[in-house]
């Protein structure tokens, strides 16, 4: 694991690398508006994917590196993501653009522009909780590249059945919320829920190359 600071027009971002020994792909993945790269799904993906030939770059947006508690406007998040892209694409390998929640929206909005090989959307925030009329589905449908959505069965930002049909793949993590946490009464445990996430990502990235 190595860490580097990348200067962007939105401030300094930080990349924590989990490299594969013989990489065939790079997955650059960022956090949401309410947390960092310590999220359970991001940690699990970073631990699992290198063993399958995928180097993982966990990206901390400039606002997070600066110690701020609130994420800036989407346009500023996109600026930060564009700024880190040369560093994650430096190897010349295909790069998957990914993120959880707000980070997934960034990945979708910039995928075609940056030449991403695909988009990984973890807990895509289809709409604000309780406000399905404020849909963000156009961002997902407009990604323009192969996409995988991994969504909690009880995610208040959008349950799997709320997603329209599209060219993307969708995998449900039963019982889980926006952070893929499952209640104690659920028929699956927390480790099993996280394994559903990592298994889906391993299978999907295997189909990309």
N, C-alpha and C. Protein backbone atom coordinates (compact mmCIF):
# COMPACT_ATOMS: atom_id res chain seq x y z
N UNK A 1 0.84 -1.19 0.00
CA UNK A 1 0.00 0.00 0.00
C UNK A 1 0.88 1.24 0.00
N UNK A 2 0.63 2.13 -0.94
CA UNK A 2 1.36 3.39 -1.02
C UNK A 2 0.38 4.54 -1.15
N UNK A 3 0.82 5.73 -0.76
CA UNK A 3 -0.04 6.91 -0.78
C UNK A 3 0.66 8.04 -1.51
N UNK A 4 -0.10 8.78 -2.31
CA UNK A 4 0.46 9.95 -2.97
C UNK A 4 -0.54 11.10 -2.96
N UNK A 5 -0.01 12.30 -2.90
CA UNK A 5 -0.82 13.52 -2.95
C UNK A 5 -0.80 14.04 -4.39
N UNK A 6 -1.99 14.35 -4.89
CA UNK A 6 -2.14 14.85 -6.26
C UNK A 6 -2.74 16.25 -6.22
N UNK A 7 -2.07 17.19 -6.85
CA UNK A 7 -2.58 18.56 -6.90
C UNK A 7 -3.64 18.66 -7.99
N UNK A 8 -4.81 19.19 -7.64
CA UNK A 8 -5.89 19.41 -8.61
C UNK A 8 -6.35 20.86 -8.51
N UNK A 9 -7.17 21.27 -9.45
CA UNK A 9 -7.70 22.64 -9.43
C UNK A 9 -8.70 22.85 -8.29
N UNK A 10 -9.08 21.77 -7.61
CA UNK A 10 -9.97 21.86 -6.46
C UNK A 10 -9.21 21.72 -5.14
N UNK A 11 -7.88 21.59 -5.22
CA UNK A 11 -7.06 21.37 -4.03
C UNK A 11 -6.35 20.03 -4.12
N UNK A 12 -5.61 19.69 -3.07
CA UNK A 12 -4.85 18.45 -3.05
C UNK A 12 -5.75 17.25 -2.75
N UNK A 13 -5.69 16.25 -3.62
CA UNK A 13 -6.36 14.98 -3.40
C UNK A 13 -5.33 13.95 -2.93
N UNK A 14 -5.81 12.83 -2.41
CA UNK A 14 -4.88 11.79 -1.94
C UNK A 14 -5.32 10.45 -2.52
N UNK A 15 -4.36 9.71 -3.05
CA UNK A 15 -4.62 8.38 -3.60
C UNK A 15 -3.88 7.36 -2.74
N UNK A 16 -4.60 6.36 -2.27
CA UNK A 16 -4.01 5.23 -1.56
C UNK A 16 -4.08 4.02 -2.49
N UNK A 17 -2.92 3.53 -2.89
CA UNK A 17 -2.84 2.46 -3.86
C UNK A 17 -2.79 1.08 -3.20
N UNK A 18 -3.56 0.18 -3.73
CA UNK A 18 -3.49 -1.24 -3.39
C UNK A 18 -3.23 -1.94 -4.73
N UNK A 19 -1.98 -2.23 -5.02
CA UNK A 19 -1.59 -2.66 -6.37
C UNK A 19 -1.58 -4.18 -6.52
N UNK A 20 -2.03 -4.60 -7.69
CA UNK A 20 -1.92 -6.01 -8.07
C UNK A 20 -0.49 -6.30 -8.54
N UNK A 21 -0.04 -7.53 -8.37
CA UNK A 21 1.31 -7.89 -8.81
C UNK A 21 1.42 -7.85 -10.33
N UNK A 22 0.40 -8.35 -11.00
CA UNK A 22 0.36 -8.32 -12.46
C UNK A 22 -0.98 -7.72 -12.89
N UNK A 23 -1.10 -6.40 -12.81
CA UNK A 23 -2.40 -5.77 -13.07
C UNK A 23 -2.80 -5.81 -14.55
N UNK A 24 -4.10 -5.98 -14.77
CA UNK A 24 -4.68 -5.88 -16.11
C UNK A 24 -5.66 -4.71 -16.19
N UNK A 25 -6.09 -4.24 -15.03
CA UNK A 25 -7.02 -3.11 -14.94
C UNK A 25 -6.65 -2.26 -13.73
N UNK A 26 -7.11 -1.02 -13.75
CA UNK A 26 -7.05 -0.16 -12.57
C UNK A 26 -8.47 0.24 -12.21
N UNK A 27 -8.80 0.17 -10.93
CA UNK A 27 -10.07 0.67 -10.43
C UNK A 27 -9.79 1.88 -9.56
N UNK A 28 -10.20 3.06 -10.03
CA UNK A 28 -10.10 4.28 -9.24
C UNK A 28 -11.46 4.52 -8.61
N UNK A 29 -11.53 4.54 -7.30
CA UNK A 29 -12.82 4.61 -6.62
C UNK A 29 -12.77 5.60 -5.46
N UNK A 30 -13.81 6.42 -5.35
CA UNK A 30 -13.85 7.47 -4.34
C UNK A 30 -15.01 7.27 -3.37
N UNK A 31 -15.01 8.07 -2.35
CA UNK A 31 -15.97 7.98 -1.25
C UNK A 31 -17.20 8.85 -1.52
N UNK A 32 -18.12 8.83 -0.57
CA UNK A 32 -19.32 9.65 -0.67
C UNK A 32 -19.18 10.98 0.02
N UNK A 33 -20.30 11.68 0.12
CA UNK A 33 -20.29 13.02 0.73
C UNK A 33 -20.26 12.97 2.25
N UNK A 34 -20.55 11.81 2.82
CA UNK A 34 -20.64 11.73 4.27
C UNK A 34 -19.57 10.86 4.91
N UNK A 35 -18.57 10.45 4.15
CA UNK A 35 -17.55 9.57 4.71
C UNK A 35 -16.32 9.53 3.84
N UNK A 36 -15.39 8.65 4.22
CA UNK A 36 -14.13 8.58 3.49
C UNK A 36 -13.86 7.19 2.97
N UNK A 37 -12.59 6.93 2.67
CA UNK A 37 -12.21 5.65 2.08
C UNK A 37 -12.20 4.52 3.10
N UNK A 38 -12.55 4.82 4.34
CA UNK A 38 -12.64 3.77 5.35
C UNK A 38 -13.97 3.03 5.29
N UNK A 39 -14.86 3.40 4.38
CA UNK A 39 -16.14 2.71 4.22
C UNK A 39 -15.92 1.22 4.02
N UNK A 40 -16.80 0.40 4.60
CA UNK A 40 -16.60 -1.05 4.61
C UNK A 40 -16.49 -1.64 3.20
N UNK A 41 -17.27 -1.13 2.26
CA UNK A 41 -17.22 -1.68 0.92
C UNK A 41 -15.92 -1.30 0.20
N UNK A 42 -15.46 -0.07 0.40
CA UNK A 42 -14.22 0.36 -0.23
C UNK A 42 -13.02 -0.41 0.33
N UNK A 43 -13.00 -0.60 1.64
CA UNK A 43 -11.91 -1.37 2.26
C UNK A 43 -11.89 -2.81 1.73
N UNK A 44 -13.07 -3.41 1.62
CA UNK A 44 -13.16 -4.80 1.19
C UNK A 44 -12.73 -4.95 -0.27
N UNK A 45 -13.13 -4.02 -1.11
CA UNK A 45 -12.75 -4.07 -2.52
C UNK A 45 -11.24 -3.90 -2.68
N UNK A 46 -10.67 -2.97 -1.91
CA UNK A 46 -9.23 -2.74 -1.98
C UNK A 46 -8.43 -3.96 -1.52
N UNK A 47 -8.99 -4.73 -0.60
CA UNK A 47 -8.31 -5.93 -0.12
C UNK A 47 -8.45 -7.10 -1.09
N UNK A 48 -9.58 -7.17 -1.80
CA UNK A 48 -9.89 -8.34 -2.63
C UNK A 48 -9.42 -8.23 -4.08
N UNK A 49 -9.59 -7.07 -4.68
CA UNK A 49 -9.38 -6.94 -6.13
C UNK A 49 -7.94 -7.15 -6.60
N UNK A 50 -6.91 -6.71 -5.85
CA UNK A 50 -5.55 -6.93 -6.34
C UNK A 50 -5.22 -8.40 -6.60
N UNK A 51 -5.83 -9.29 -5.86
CA UNK A 51 -5.61 -10.72 -6.08
C UNK A 51 -6.22 -11.23 -7.36
N UNK A 52 -7.02 -10.39 -8.00
CA UNK A 52 -7.67 -10.76 -9.26
C UNK A 52 -7.16 -9.89 -10.42
N UNK A 53 -5.98 -9.31 -10.24
CA UNK A 53 -5.36 -8.57 -11.32
C UNK A 53 -5.85 -7.14 -11.49
N UNK A 54 -6.48 -6.60 -10.46
CA UNK A 54 -6.98 -5.22 -10.54
C UNK A 54 -6.32 -4.38 -9.46
N UNK A 55 -5.54 -3.39 -9.87
CA UNK A 55 -4.98 -2.44 -8.91
C UNK A 55 -6.06 -1.45 -8.49
N UNK A 56 -6.15 -1.18 -7.21
CA UNK A 56 -7.20 -0.30 -6.68
C UNK A 56 -6.59 0.99 -6.17
N UNK A 57 -7.12 2.10 -6.67
CA UNK A 57 -6.71 3.43 -6.21
C UNK A 57 -7.87 4.02 -5.41
N UNK A 58 -7.73 4.07 -4.09
CA UNK A 58 -8.75 4.70 -3.25
C UNK A 58 -8.47 6.20 -3.23
N UNK A 59 -9.41 6.97 -3.72
CA UNK A 59 -9.21 8.40 -3.91
C UNK A 59 -9.98 9.21 -2.88
N UNK A 60 -9.24 10.07 -2.18
CA UNK A 60 -9.86 11.01 -1.25
C UNK A 60 -9.94 12.39 -1.91
N UNK A 61 -11.16 12.86 -2.05
CA UNK A 61 -11.38 14.15 -2.69
C UNK A 61 -10.73 15.29 -1.89
N UNK A 62 -10.36 16.39 -2.57
CA UNK A 62 -9.67 17.50 -1.88
C UNK A 62 -10.37 18.02 -0.63
N UNK A 63 -11.69 18.09 -0.66
CA UNK A 63 -12.40 18.61 0.52
C UNK A 63 -12.16 17.72 1.73
N UNK A 64 -12.06 16.43 1.49
CA UNK A 64 -11.84 15.48 2.58
C UNK A 64 -10.40 15.58 3.08
N UNK A 65 -9.44 15.70 2.16
CA UNK A 65 -8.03 15.85 2.53
C UNK A 65 -7.83 17.12 3.35
N UNK A 66 -8.58 18.17 3.02
CA UNK A 66 -8.46 19.45 3.71
C UNK A 66 -9.13 19.44 5.09
N UNK A 67 -9.80 18.33 5.43
CA UNK A 67 -10.42 18.22 6.74
C UNK A 67 -11.79 18.85 6.85
N UNK A 68 -12.40 19.19 5.72
CA UNK A 68 -13.74 19.78 5.76
C UNK A 68 -14.79 18.70 5.98
N UNK A 69 -15.90 19.09 6.61
CA UNK A 69 -16.93 18.12 6.95
C UNK A 69 -18.02 18.02 5.89
N UNK A 70 -18.14 19.05 5.06
CA UNK A 70 -19.19 19.06 4.05
C UNK A 70 -18.59 19.04 2.66
N UNK A 71 -19.15 18.20 1.81
CA UNK A 71 -18.67 18.12 0.43
C UNK A 71 -19.11 19.36 -0.35
N UNK A 72 -18.31 19.79 -1.31
CA UNK A 72 -18.68 20.95 -2.13
C UNK A 72 -19.70 20.57 -3.19
N UNK A 73 -20.01 21.50 -4.06
CA UNK A 73 -20.98 21.28 -5.13
C UNK A 73 -20.48 20.20 -6.10
N UNK A 74 -21.41 19.51 -6.78
CA UNK A 74 -21.02 18.47 -7.73
C UNK A 74 -19.98 18.92 -8.74
N UNK A 75 -20.09 20.14 -9.23
CA UNK A 75 -19.14 20.64 -10.23
C UNK A 75 -17.71 20.63 -9.68
N UNK A 76 -17.55 20.97 -8.40
CA UNK A 76 -16.23 20.97 -7.77
C UNK A 76 -15.72 19.55 -7.56
N UNK A 77 -16.62 18.62 -7.23
CA UNK A 77 -16.22 17.22 -7.11
C UNK A 77 -15.70 16.69 -8.44
N UNK A 78 -16.35 17.09 -9.52
CA UNK A 78 -15.91 16.66 -10.85
C UNK A 78 -14.52 17.21 -11.17
N UNK A 79 -14.26 18.44 -10.76
CA UNK A 79 -12.95 19.05 -10.98
C UNK A 79 -11.85 18.25 -10.27
N UNK A 80 -12.12 17.87 -9.04
CA UNK A 80 -11.15 17.07 -8.29
C UNK A 80 -10.90 15.73 -8.95
N UNK A 81 -11.97 15.11 -9.46
CA UNK A 81 -11.84 13.79 -10.09
C UNK A 81 -11.05 13.88 -11.39
N UNK A 82 -11.31 14.90 -12.16
CA UNK A 82 -10.53 15.10 -13.39
C UNK A 82 -9.04 15.28 -13.07
N UNK A 83 -8.78 15.94 -11.96
CA UNK A 83 -7.40 16.23 -11.58
C UNK A 83 -6.59 15.01 -11.21
N UNK A 84 -7.26 13.98 -10.66
CA UNK A 84 -6.51 12.78 -10.25
C UNK A 84 -6.37 11.79 -11.40
N UNK A 85 -7.15 11.99 -12.46
CA UNK A 85 -7.21 10.97 -13.51
C UNK A 85 -5.86 10.67 -14.17
N UNK A 86 -5.04 11.67 -14.49
CA UNK A 86 -3.74 11.34 -15.10
C UNK A 86 -2.90 10.40 -14.24
N UNK A 87 -3.02 10.52 -12.92
CA UNK A 87 -2.23 9.66 -12.03
C UNK A 87 -2.72 8.22 -12.06
N UNK A 88 -4.03 8.02 -12.13
CA UNK A 88 -4.55 6.64 -12.13
C UNK A 88 -4.45 6.01 -13.52
N UNK A 89 -4.31 6.84 -14.56
CA UNK A 89 -4.22 6.33 -15.93
C UNK A 89 -2.78 6.23 -16.41
N UNK A 90 -1.82 6.58 -15.57
CA UNK A 90 -0.43 6.68 -15.97
C UNK A 90 0.15 5.37 -16.49
N UNK A 91 -0.33 4.24 -15.97
CA UNK A 91 0.21 2.94 -16.37
C UNK A 91 -0.16 2.56 -17.80
N UNK A 92 -1.17 3.23 -18.35
CA UNK A 92 -1.64 2.87 -19.68
C UNK A 92 -2.66 1.75 -19.69
N UNK A 93 -2.95 1.18 -18.53
CA UNK A 93 -3.96 0.13 -18.41
C UNK A 93 -5.36 0.75 -18.47
N UNK A 94 -6.37 -0.03 -18.86
CA UNK A 94 -7.74 0.47 -18.79
C UNK A 94 -8.10 0.84 -17.35
N UNK A 95 -8.82 1.94 -17.19
CA UNK A 95 -9.19 2.42 -15.86
C UNK A 95 -10.70 2.44 -15.69
N UNK A 96 -11.18 1.78 -14.64
CA UNK A 96 -12.59 1.83 -14.27
C UNK A 96 -12.78 3.00 -13.32
N UNK A 97 -13.77 3.82 -13.59
CA UNK A 97 -14.08 4.97 -12.74
C UNK A 97 -15.16 4.55 -11.76
N UNK A 98 -14.90 4.70 -10.48
CA UNK A 98 -15.86 4.21 -9.49
C UNK A 98 -16.03 5.13 -8.31
N UNK A 99 -17.07 4.85 -7.54
CA UNK A 99 -17.30 5.62 -6.33
C UNK A 99 -18.51 5.09 -5.60
N UNK A 100 -18.61 5.50 -4.34
CA UNK A 100 -19.81 5.17 -3.59
C UNK A 100 -20.62 6.45 -3.39
N UNK A 101 -21.92 6.34 -3.53
CA UNK A 101 -22.85 7.45 -3.32
C UNK A 101 -22.49 8.66 -4.20
N UNK A 102 -22.15 9.79 -3.60
CA UNK A 102 -21.80 10.97 -4.40
C UNK A 102 -20.63 10.69 -5.32
N UNK A 103 -19.72 9.83 -4.89
CA UNK A 103 -18.59 9.46 -5.73
C UNK A 103 -19.02 8.69 -6.96
N UNK A 104 -20.11 7.91 -6.84
CA UNK A 104 -20.65 7.19 -7.99
C UNK A 104 -21.23 8.17 -9.01
N UNK A 105 -21.86 9.23 -8.53
CA UNK A 105 -22.39 10.25 -9.44
C UNK A 105 -21.26 10.92 -10.22
N UNK A 106 -20.18 11.23 -9.53
CA UNK A 106 -19.02 11.83 -10.19
C UNK A 106 -18.50 10.90 -11.29
N UNK A 107 -18.37 9.62 -10.96
CA UNK A 107 -17.86 8.65 -11.93
C UNK A 107 -18.74 8.59 -13.17
N UNK A 108 -20.05 8.62 -12.97
CA UNK A 108 -20.98 8.57 -14.11
C UNK A 108 -20.87 9.83 -14.96
N UNK A 109 -20.80 10.97 -14.32
CA UNK A 109 -20.81 12.25 -15.05
C UNK A 109 -19.57 12.44 -15.91
N UNK A 110 -18.46 11.85 -15.50
CA UNK A 110 -17.18 12.13 -16.17
C UNK A 110 -16.62 10.96 -16.97
N UNK A 111 -17.33 9.83 -17.00
CA UNK A 111 -16.77 8.59 -17.57
C UNK A 111 -16.36 8.73 -19.02
N UNK A 112 -17.25 9.23 -19.86
CA UNK A 112 -16.95 9.33 -21.28
C UNK A 112 -15.83 10.33 -21.53
N UNK A 113 -15.93 11.48 -20.87
CA UNK A 113 -14.92 12.54 -21.02
C UNK A 113 -13.52 12.03 -20.70
N UNK A 114 -13.40 11.21 -19.65
CA UNK A 114 -12.09 10.76 -19.20
C UNK A 114 -11.63 9.47 -19.87
N UNK A 115 -12.50 8.85 -20.64
CA UNK A 115 -12.13 7.62 -21.32
C UNK A 115 -12.13 6.40 -20.42
N UNK A 116 -13.02 6.39 -19.43
CA UNK A 116 -13.10 5.26 -18.50
C UNK A 116 -13.52 3.99 -19.22
N UNK A 117 -12.98 2.86 -18.76
CA UNK A 117 -13.34 1.57 -19.34
C UNK A 117 -14.67 1.07 -18.81
N UNK A 118 -15.14 1.64 -17.72
CA UNK A 118 -16.40 1.26 -17.10
C UNK A 118 -16.65 2.11 -15.89
N UNK A 119 -17.84 1.96 -15.31
CA UNK A 119 -18.20 2.69 -14.10
C UNK A 119 -18.69 1.69 -13.05
N UNK A 120 -18.14 1.82 -11.84
CA UNK A 120 -18.62 1.06 -10.69
C UNK A 120 -19.35 2.02 -9.77
N UNK A 121 -20.65 1.80 -9.61
CA UNK A 121 -21.48 2.68 -8.78
C UNK A 121 -21.94 1.91 -7.54
N UNK A 122 -21.35 2.22 -6.42
CA UNK A 122 -21.71 1.61 -5.15
C UNK A 122 -22.71 2.51 -4.44
N UNK A 123 -23.88 1.95 -4.11
CA UNK A 123 -24.92 2.74 -3.42
C UNK A 123 -25.23 4.03 -4.19
N UNK A 124 -25.57 3.89 -5.46
CA UNK A 124 -25.89 5.06 -6.26
C UNK A 124 -27.08 5.79 -5.64
N UNK A 125 -26.93 7.11 -5.34
CA UNK A 125 -28.03 7.85 -4.71
C UNK A 125 -29.06 8.29 -5.75
N UNK A 126 -29.96 7.38 -6.06
CA UNK A 126 -30.94 7.61 -7.12
C UNK A 126 -31.79 8.86 -6.86
N UNK A 127 -32.03 9.12 -5.58
CA UNK A 127 -32.79 10.32 -5.18
C UNK A 127 -32.52 10.58 -3.70
N UNK A 128 -32.77 11.80 -3.22
CA UNK A 128 -32.67 12.05 -1.79
C UNK A 128 -33.70 11.20 -1.05
N UNK A 129 -33.42 10.79 0.18
CA UNK A 129 -34.37 9.97 0.93
C UNK A 129 -35.75 10.63 1.01
N UNK A 130 -36.76 9.86 0.66
CA UNK A 130 -38.13 10.36 0.74
C UNK A 130 -38.53 11.29 -0.38
N UNK A 131 -37.66 11.49 -1.38
CA UNK A 131 -37.97 12.42 -2.48
C UNK A 131 -37.69 11.75 -3.84
N UNK A 132 -38.46 10.70 -4.15
CA UNK A 132 -38.21 9.98 -5.40
C UNK A 132 -38.43 10.84 -6.65
N UNK A 133 -39.16 11.95 -6.48
CA UNK A 133 -39.39 12.82 -7.64
C UNK A 133 -38.12 13.55 -8.07
N UNK A 134 -37.14 13.63 -7.17
CA UNK A 134 -35.87 14.30 -7.50
C UNK A 134 -34.84 13.26 -7.96
N UNK A 135 -35.14 12.63 -9.08
CA UNK A 135 -34.33 11.51 -9.57
C UNK A 135 -33.03 11.98 -10.22
N UNK A 136 -32.00 11.17 -10.00
CA UNK A 136 -30.70 11.41 -10.63
C UNK A 136 -30.38 10.32 -11.65
N UNK A 137 -31.41 9.64 -12.09
CA UNK A 137 -31.20 8.49 -12.96
C UNK A 137 -30.53 8.89 -14.27
N UNK A 138 -30.73 10.12 -14.73
CA UNK A 138 -30.11 10.55 -15.98
C UNK A 138 -28.59 10.47 -15.92
N UNK A 139 -28.02 10.70 -14.73
CA UNK A 139 -26.56 10.60 -14.59
C UNK A 139 -26.11 9.17 -14.83
N UNK A 140 -26.84 8.21 -14.26
CA UNK A 140 -26.49 6.81 -14.41
C UNK A 140 -26.70 6.35 -15.85
N UNK A 141 -27.84 6.68 -16.43
CA UNK A 141 -28.14 6.26 -17.79
C UNK A 141 -27.22 6.94 -18.80
N UNK A 142 -26.67 8.08 -18.42
CA UNK A 142 -25.79 8.82 -19.32
C UNK A 142 -24.32 8.50 -19.17
N UNK A 143 -23.99 7.49 -18.35
CA UNK A 143 -22.58 7.16 -18.11
C UNK A 143 -21.85 6.85 -19.42
N UNK A 144 -22.52 6.16 -20.33
CA UNK A 144 -21.95 5.94 -21.65
C UNK A 144 -20.91 4.84 -21.76
N UNK A 145 -20.70 4.10 -20.69
CA UNK A 145 -19.74 2.99 -20.67
C UNK A 145 -20.37 1.84 -19.88
N UNK A 146 -19.81 0.62 -19.96
CA UNK A 146 -20.34 -0.47 -19.14
C UNK A 146 -20.36 -0.07 -17.67
N UNK A 147 -21.45 -0.39 -16.99
CA UNK A 147 -21.59 0.04 -15.60
C UNK A 147 -22.16 -1.07 -14.73
N UNK A 148 -21.68 -1.12 -13.49
CA UNK A 148 -22.22 -2.02 -12.48
C UNK A 148 -22.71 -1.18 -11.31
N UNK A 149 -23.96 -1.41 -10.92
CA UNK A 149 -24.53 -0.77 -9.74
C UNK A 149 -24.68 -1.84 -8.66
N UNK A 150 -24.14 -1.60 -7.49
CA UNK A 150 -24.33 -2.49 -6.34
C UNK A 150 -25.13 -1.71 -5.32
N UNK A 151 -26.34 -2.18 -5.02
CA UNK A 151 -27.29 -1.39 -4.24
C UNK A 151 -27.87 -2.18 -3.08
N UNK A 152 -27.97 -1.53 -1.93
CA UNK A 152 -28.59 -2.16 -0.77
C UNK A 152 -30.08 -2.34 -0.95
N UNK A 153 -30.61 -3.46 -0.50
CA UNK A 153 -32.03 -3.74 -0.63
C UNK A 153 -32.92 -2.76 0.10
N UNK A 154 -32.39 -2.13 1.15
CA UNK A 154 -33.15 -1.15 1.92
C UNK A 154 -32.49 0.23 1.90
N UNK A 155 -31.87 0.56 0.79
CA UNK A 155 -31.19 1.86 0.68
C UNK A 155 -32.24 2.97 0.52
N UNK A 156 -32.31 3.91 1.47
CA UNK A 156 -33.31 4.98 1.38
C UNK A 156 -33.04 5.95 0.23
N UNK A 157 -31.84 5.90 -0.34
CA UNK A 157 -31.51 6.74 -1.50
C UNK A 157 -31.93 6.07 -2.82
N UNK A 158 -32.57 4.94 -2.73
CA UNK A 158 -33.01 4.22 -3.92
C UNK A 158 -32.88 2.73 -3.75
N UNK A 159 -34.01 2.04 -3.65
CA UNK A 159 -33.98 0.58 -3.57
C UNK A 159 -33.83 -0.01 -4.96
N UNK A 160 -33.31 -1.21 -5.07
CA UNK A 160 -33.07 -1.80 -6.39
C UNK A 160 -34.29 -1.77 -7.31
N UNK A 161 -35.48 -2.03 -6.75
CA UNK A 161 -36.67 -2.07 -7.61
C UNK A 161 -37.06 -0.71 -8.16
N UNK A 162 -36.49 0.36 -7.62
CA UNK A 162 -36.77 1.70 -8.13
C UNK A 162 -35.95 2.05 -9.37
N UNK A 163 -34.93 1.28 -9.64
CA UNK A 163 -34.06 1.59 -10.78
C UNK A 163 -34.71 1.13 -12.08
N UNK A 164 -34.71 1.99 -13.08
CA UNK A 164 -35.27 1.59 -14.37
C UNK A 164 -34.32 0.65 -15.09
N UNK A 165 -34.85 -0.05 -16.07
CA UNK A 165 -34.00 -0.91 -16.87
C UNK A 165 -33.04 -0.05 -17.69
N UNK A 166 -31.83 -0.56 -17.84
CA UNK A 166 -30.83 0.18 -18.61
C UNK A 166 -29.75 -0.77 -19.08
N UNK A 167 -28.71 -0.23 -19.63
CA UNK A 167 -27.62 -1.07 -20.13
C UNK A 167 -26.68 -1.50 -19.01
N UNK A 168 -26.87 -0.96 -17.82
CA UNK A 168 -26.01 -1.31 -16.69
C UNK A 168 -26.47 -2.62 -16.04
N UNK A 169 -25.56 -3.22 -15.28
CA UNK A 169 -25.90 -4.37 -14.44
C UNK A 169 -26.22 -3.87 -13.04
N UNK A 170 -27.14 -4.56 -12.36
CA UNK A 170 -27.49 -4.17 -10.99
C UNK A 170 -27.48 -5.40 -10.10
N UNK A 171 -26.74 -5.31 -9.01
CA UNK A 171 -26.67 -6.39 -8.02
C UNK A 171 -27.22 -5.87 -6.69
N UNK A 172 -28.14 -6.60 -6.12
CA UNK A 172 -28.74 -6.21 -4.84
C UNK A 172 -28.02 -6.89 -3.68
N UNK A 173 -27.79 -6.12 -2.62
CA UNK A 173 -27.29 -6.67 -1.37
C UNK A 173 -28.48 -6.69 -0.41
N UNK A 174 -29.08 -7.85 -0.21
CA UNK A 174 -30.34 -7.92 0.55
C UNK A 174 -30.22 -7.32 1.95
N UNK A 175 -31.31 -6.67 2.37
CA UNK A 175 -31.47 -6.14 3.73
C UNK A 175 -30.61 -4.93 4.05
N UNK A 176 -29.63 -4.61 3.21
CA UNK A 176 -28.64 -3.62 3.61
C UNK A 176 -29.07 -2.19 3.29
N UNK A 177 -28.46 -1.25 4.00
CA UNK A 177 -28.78 0.17 3.85
C UNK A 177 -27.79 0.85 2.91
N UNK A 178 -27.70 2.16 2.97
CA UNK A 178 -26.84 2.92 2.07
C UNK A 178 -25.35 2.62 2.27
N UNK A 179 -25.00 2.20 3.48
CA UNK A 179 -23.61 1.83 3.77
C UNK A 179 -23.37 0.33 3.76
N UNK A 180 -24.34 -0.42 3.22
CA UNK A 180 -24.31 -1.89 3.17
C UNK A 180 -24.30 -2.53 4.55
N UNK A 181 -24.81 -1.79 5.55
CA UNK A 181 -24.98 -2.37 6.88
C UNK A 181 -26.29 -3.15 6.91
N UNK A 182 -26.26 -4.31 7.55
CA UNK A 182 -27.47 -5.13 7.66
C UNK A 182 -27.90 -5.20 9.12
N UNK A 183 -29.21 -5.19 9.39
CA UNK A 183 -29.69 -5.29 10.77
C UNK A 183 -29.43 -6.68 11.34
N UNK A 184 -29.38 -6.76 12.65
CA UNK A 184 -29.09 -8.04 13.30
C UNK A 184 -30.13 -9.10 12.98
N UNK A 185 -31.35 -8.68 12.71
CA UNK A 185 -32.43 -9.65 12.45
C UNK A 185 -32.41 -10.17 11.00
N UNK A 186 -31.51 -9.64 10.18
CA UNK A 186 -31.46 -10.03 8.77
C UNK A 186 -31.04 -11.49 8.63
N UNK A 187 -31.43 -12.08 7.51
CA UNK A 187 -31.10 -13.49 7.25
C UNK A 187 -29.66 -13.68 6.79
N UNK A 188 -28.96 -12.58 6.53
CA UNK A 188 -27.54 -12.67 6.22
C UNK A 188 -26.76 -11.81 7.21
N UNK A 189 -25.51 -12.19 7.45
CA UNK A 189 -24.67 -11.42 8.36
C UNK A 189 -23.92 -10.32 7.63
N UNK A 190 -23.22 -9.49 8.40
CA UNK A 190 -22.50 -8.36 7.80
C UNK A 190 -21.39 -8.82 6.86
N UNK A 191 -20.66 -9.84 7.25
CA UNK A 191 -19.58 -10.34 6.40
C UNK A 191 -20.13 -10.87 5.08
N UNK A 192 -21.27 -11.53 5.15
CA UNK A 192 -21.88 -12.07 3.94
C UNK A 192 -22.34 -10.94 3.02
N UNK A 193 -22.87 -9.89 3.60
CA UNK A 193 -23.31 -8.74 2.80
C UNK A 193 -22.14 -8.12 2.06
N UNK A 194 -21.03 -7.93 2.76
CA UNK A 194 -19.85 -7.35 2.12
C UNK A 194 -19.30 -8.29 1.04
N UNK A 195 -19.38 -9.58 1.29
CA UNK A 195 -18.91 -10.56 0.31
C UNK A 195 -19.73 -10.49 -0.97
N UNK A 196 -21.02 -10.19 -0.87
CA UNK A 196 -21.86 -10.03 -2.06
C UNK A 196 -21.33 -8.87 -2.90
N UNK A 197 -20.92 -7.80 -2.23
CA UNK A 197 -20.36 -6.64 -2.92
C UNK A 197 -19.08 -7.03 -3.66
N UNK A 198 -18.13 -7.60 -2.93
CA UNK A 198 -16.83 -7.91 -3.54
C UNK A 198 -16.96 -8.97 -4.63
N UNK A 199 -17.81 -9.97 -4.41
CA UNK A 199 -17.98 -11.01 -5.42
C UNK A 199 -18.53 -10.42 -6.72
N UNK A 200 -19.47 -9.49 -6.58
CA UNK A 200 -20.06 -8.86 -7.76
C UNK A 200 -19.02 -8.06 -8.52
N UNK A 201 -18.18 -7.34 -7.78
CA UNK A 201 -17.16 -6.51 -8.43
C UNK A 201 -16.10 -7.38 -9.09
N UNK A 202 -15.70 -8.46 -8.43
CA UNK A 202 -14.72 -9.38 -9.02
C UNK A 202 -15.26 -9.97 -10.32
N UNK A 203 -16.50 -10.42 -10.31
CA UNK A 203 -17.11 -11.03 -11.50
C UNK A 203 -17.21 -10.01 -12.63
N UNK A 204 -17.66 -8.82 -12.30
CA UNK A 204 -17.86 -7.79 -13.33
C UNK A 204 -16.54 -7.34 -13.93
N UNK A 205 -15.54 -7.07 -13.09
CA UNK A 205 -14.24 -6.64 -13.62
C UNK A 205 -13.60 -7.75 -14.45
N UNK A 206 -13.90 -9.00 -14.11
CA UNK A 206 -13.39 -10.11 -14.91
C UNK A 206 -13.96 -10.11 -16.32
N UNK A 207 -15.16 -9.57 -16.46
CA UNK A 207 -15.80 -9.52 -17.79
C UNK A 207 -15.27 -8.38 -18.65
N UNK A 208 -14.55 -7.44 -18.02
CA UNK A 208 -14.05 -6.28 -18.74
C UNK A 208 -12.67 -6.50 -19.36
N UNK A 209 -11.97 -7.50 -18.88
CA UNK A 209 -10.63 -7.75 -19.42
C UNK A 209 -9.74 -8.43 -18.42
